[in-house]
């Protein structure tokens, strides 16, 4: 049974048009390995596959 998964995250904060803006890139399960996300009550939850997300957040 393989449990851990490796994630990577990059964050940066800058000013865009005078507003504080946060940019993020998130890579879930970077190694794309199979893993169990949960275990209990006789059940196992299969972890998510590799997923890349880009997020932008502006405060105004």
N, C-alpha and C. Protein backbone atom coordinates (compact mmCIF):
# COMPACT_ATOMS: atom_id res chain seq x y z
N UNK A 1 0.85 -1.17 0.00
CA UNK A 1 0.00 0.00 0.00
C UNK A 1 0.90 1.23 0.00
N UNK A 2 0.65 2.15 -0.89
CA UNK A 2 1.42 3.39 -1.01
C UNK A 2 0.52 4.54 -0.59
N UNK A 3 0.91 5.29 0.43
CA UNK A 3 0.05 6.35 0.95
C UNK A 3 0.39 7.76 0.53
N UNK A 4 1.65 8.20 0.61
CA UNK A 4 1.91 9.62 0.37
C UNK A 4 1.81 10.02 -1.10
N UNK A 5 1.48 11.27 -1.31
CA UNK A 5 1.51 11.88 -2.64
C UNK A 5 2.31 13.17 -2.51
N UNK A 6 2.93 13.61 -3.56
CA UNK A 6 3.74 14.82 -3.53
C UNK A 6 3.05 15.91 -4.32
N UNK A 7 2.95 17.07 -3.70
CA UNK A 7 2.33 18.23 -4.33
C UNK A 7 3.37 19.35 -4.44
N UNK A 8 3.16 20.24 -5.39
CA UNK A 8 4.04 21.40 -5.56
C UNK A 8 3.17 22.64 -5.69
N UNK A 9 3.67 23.76 -5.17
CA UNK A 9 2.89 24.99 -5.19
C UNK A 9 3.84 26.17 -5.40
N UNK A 10 3.42 27.12 -6.23
CA UNK A 10 4.17 28.35 -6.44
C UNK A 10 3.21 29.51 -6.25
N UNK A 11 3.58 30.47 -5.40
CA UNK A 11 2.75 31.65 -5.14
C UNK A 11 3.58 32.90 -5.38
N UNK A 12 2.96 33.93 -5.92
CA UNK A 12 3.60 35.23 -6.02
C UNK A 12 2.53 36.31 -5.83
N UNK A 13 2.91 37.39 -5.19
CA UNK A 13 2.01 38.51 -4.97
C UNK A 13 2.60 39.73 -5.66
N UNK A 14 1.77 40.45 -6.41
CA UNK A 14 2.23 41.62 -7.13
C UNK A 14 1.10 42.65 -7.18
N UNK A 15 1.36 43.78 -7.77
CA UNK A 15 0.36 44.83 -7.95
C UNK A 15 0.01 44.90 -9.44
N UNK A 16 -1.28 44.77 -9.76
CA UNK A 16 -1.77 44.87 -11.13
C UNK A 16 -2.85 45.95 -11.14
N UNK A 17 -2.66 46.98 -11.96
CA UNK A 17 -3.61 48.10 -12.05
C UNK A 17 -3.91 48.68 -10.67
N UNK A 18 -2.89 48.76 -9.83
CA UNK A 18 -3.04 49.34 -8.50
C UNK A 18 -3.69 48.43 -7.47
N UNK A 19 -3.98 47.19 -7.83
CA UNK A 19 -4.64 46.24 -6.92
C UNK A 19 -3.68 45.09 -6.58
N UNK A 20 -3.70 44.69 -5.31
CA UNK A 20 -2.88 43.55 -4.88
C UNK A 20 -3.43 42.29 -5.55
N UNK A 21 -2.56 41.56 -6.23
CA UNK A 21 -2.97 40.38 -6.99
C UNK A 21 -2.07 39.21 -6.63
N UNK A 22 -2.68 38.06 -6.40
CA UNK A 22 -1.95 36.83 -6.08
C UNK A 22 -2.11 35.86 -7.24
N UNK A 23 -1.00 35.30 -7.70
CA UNK A 23 -1.01 34.26 -8.72
C UNK A 23 -0.48 32.98 -8.08
N UNK A 24 -1.14 31.87 -8.39
CA UNK A 24 -0.72 30.58 -7.85
C UNK A 24 -0.74 29.54 -8.96
N UNK A 25 0.21 28.63 -8.89
CA UNK A 25 0.21 27.42 -9.71
C UNK A 25 0.32 26.26 -8.74
N UNK A 26 -0.60 25.31 -8.84
CA UNK A 26 -0.65 24.18 -7.92
C UNK A 26 -0.62 22.89 -8.73
N UNK A 27 0.32 22.02 -8.41
CA UNK A 27 0.43 20.72 -9.06
C UNK A 27 0.16 19.66 -8.01
N UNK A 28 -1.02 19.05 -8.07
CA UNK A 28 -1.38 17.98 -7.15
C UNK A 28 -0.87 16.65 -7.70
N UNK A 29 -0.37 15.79 -6.81
CA UNK A 29 0.18 14.48 -7.17
C UNK A 29 1.22 14.63 -8.29
N UNK A 30 2.24 15.42 -8.03
CA UNK A 30 3.26 15.76 -9.02
C UNK A 30 3.94 14.53 -9.62
N UNK A 31 4.08 13.46 -8.84
CA UNK A 31 4.74 12.26 -9.34
C UNK A 31 3.79 11.34 -10.10
N UNK A 32 2.49 11.68 -10.11
CA UNK A 32 1.45 10.91 -10.79
C UNK A 32 1.43 9.45 -10.34
N UNK A 33 1.66 9.23 -9.05
CA UNK A 33 1.63 7.87 -8.51
C UNK A 33 0.25 7.58 -7.93
N UNK A 34 -0.12 6.31 -7.94
CA UNK A 34 -1.35 5.88 -7.30
C UNK A 34 -1.15 5.94 -5.79
N UNK A 35 -2.16 6.40 -5.07
CA UNK A 35 -2.07 6.46 -3.62
C UNK A 35 -3.47 6.39 -3.02
N UNK A 36 -3.52 6.13 -1.74
CA UNK A 36 -4.79 6.09 -1.02
C UNK A 36 -4.96 7.42 -0.31
N UNK A 37 -6.05 8.11 -0.56
CA UNK A 37 -6.27 9.41 0.07
C UNK A 37 -6.87 9.28 1.47
N UNK A 38 -7.66 8.24 1.68
CA UNK A 38 -8.27 8.00 2.98
C UNK A 38 -8.34 6.50 3.25
N UNK A 39 -8.35 6.16 4.51
CA UNK A 39 -8.52 4.76 4.90
C UNK A 39 -9.25 4.74 6.24
N UNK A 40 -10.27 3.93 6.33
CA UNK A 40 -11.01 3.81 7.58
C UNK A 40 -12.32 3.08 7.37
N UNK A 41 -12.83 2.50 8.43
CA UNK A 41 -14.10 1.76 8.39
C UNK A 41 -14.11 0.68 7.31
N UNK A 42 -12.95 0.09 7.05
CA UNK A 42 -12.88 -0.97 6.05
C UNK A 42 -12.91 -0.48 4.62
N UNK A 43 -12.78 0.82 4.41
CA UNK A 43 -12.84 1.39 3.06
C UNK A 43 -11.53 2.11 2.74
N UNK A 44 -11.19 2.15 1.46
CA UNK A 44 -10.03 2.90 0.98
C UNK A 44 -10.49 3.90 -0.07
N UNK A 45 -9.98 5.12 0.00
CA UNK A 45 -10.30 6.13 -1.00
C UNK A 45 -9.11 6.32 -1.93
N UNK A 46 -9.33 6.18 -3.22
CA UNK A 46 -8.26 6.32 -4.20
C UNK A 46 -7.96 7.80 -4.39
N UNK A 47 -6.67 8.15 -4.41
CA UNK A 47 -6.25 9.54 -4.58
C UNK A 47 -6.45 10.03 -6.00
N UNK A 48 -6.45 11.34 -6.14
CA UNK A 48 -6.66 11.98 -7.45
C UNK A 48 -5.42 11.82 -8.34
N UNK A 49 -5.60 11.81 -9.65
CA UNK A 49 -4.46 11.78 -10.56
C UNK A 49 -3.76 13.15 -10.58
N UNK A 50 -2.67 13.25 -11.32
CA UNK A 50 -1.96 14.52 -11.44
C UNK A 50 -2.91 15.59 -11.97
N UNK A 51 -2.85 16.77 -11.35
CA UNK A 51 -3.74 17.86 -11.76
C UNK A 51 -2.99 19.18 -11.59
N UNK A 52 -3.01 20.02 -12.62
CA UNK A 52 -2.37 21.32 -12.59
C UNK A 52 -3.45 22.40 -12.58
N UNK A 53 -3.36 23.32 -11.60
CA UNK A 53 -4.35 24.40 -11.48
C UNK A 53 -3.62 25.74 -11.47
N UNK A 54 -4.20 26.71 -12.16
CA UNK A 54 -3.71 28.09 -12.12
C UNK A 54 -4.79 28.94 -11.47
N UNK A 55 -4.39 29.79 -10.53
CA UNK A 55 -5.34 30.60 -9.78
C UNK A 55 -4.85 32.04 -9.77
N UNK A 56 -5.74 32.98 -10.03
CA UNK A 56 -5.43 34.41 -9.90
C UNK A 56 -6.49 35.02 -8.99
N UNK A 57 -6.03 35.82 -8.03
CA UNK A 57 -6.95 36.45 -7.08
C UNK A 57 -6.58 37.92 -6.95
N UNK A 58 -7.55 38.80 -7.18
CA UNK A 58 -7.31 40.24 -7.08
C UNK A 58 -8.15 40.81 -5.96
N UNK A 59 -7.53 41.59 -5.08
CA UNK A 59 -8.25 42.25 -4.00
C UNK A 59 -8.61 43.67 -4.43
N UNK A 60 -9.87 44.02 -4.27
CA UNK A 60 -10.30 45.38 -4.61
C UNK A 60 -11.38 45.83 -3.66
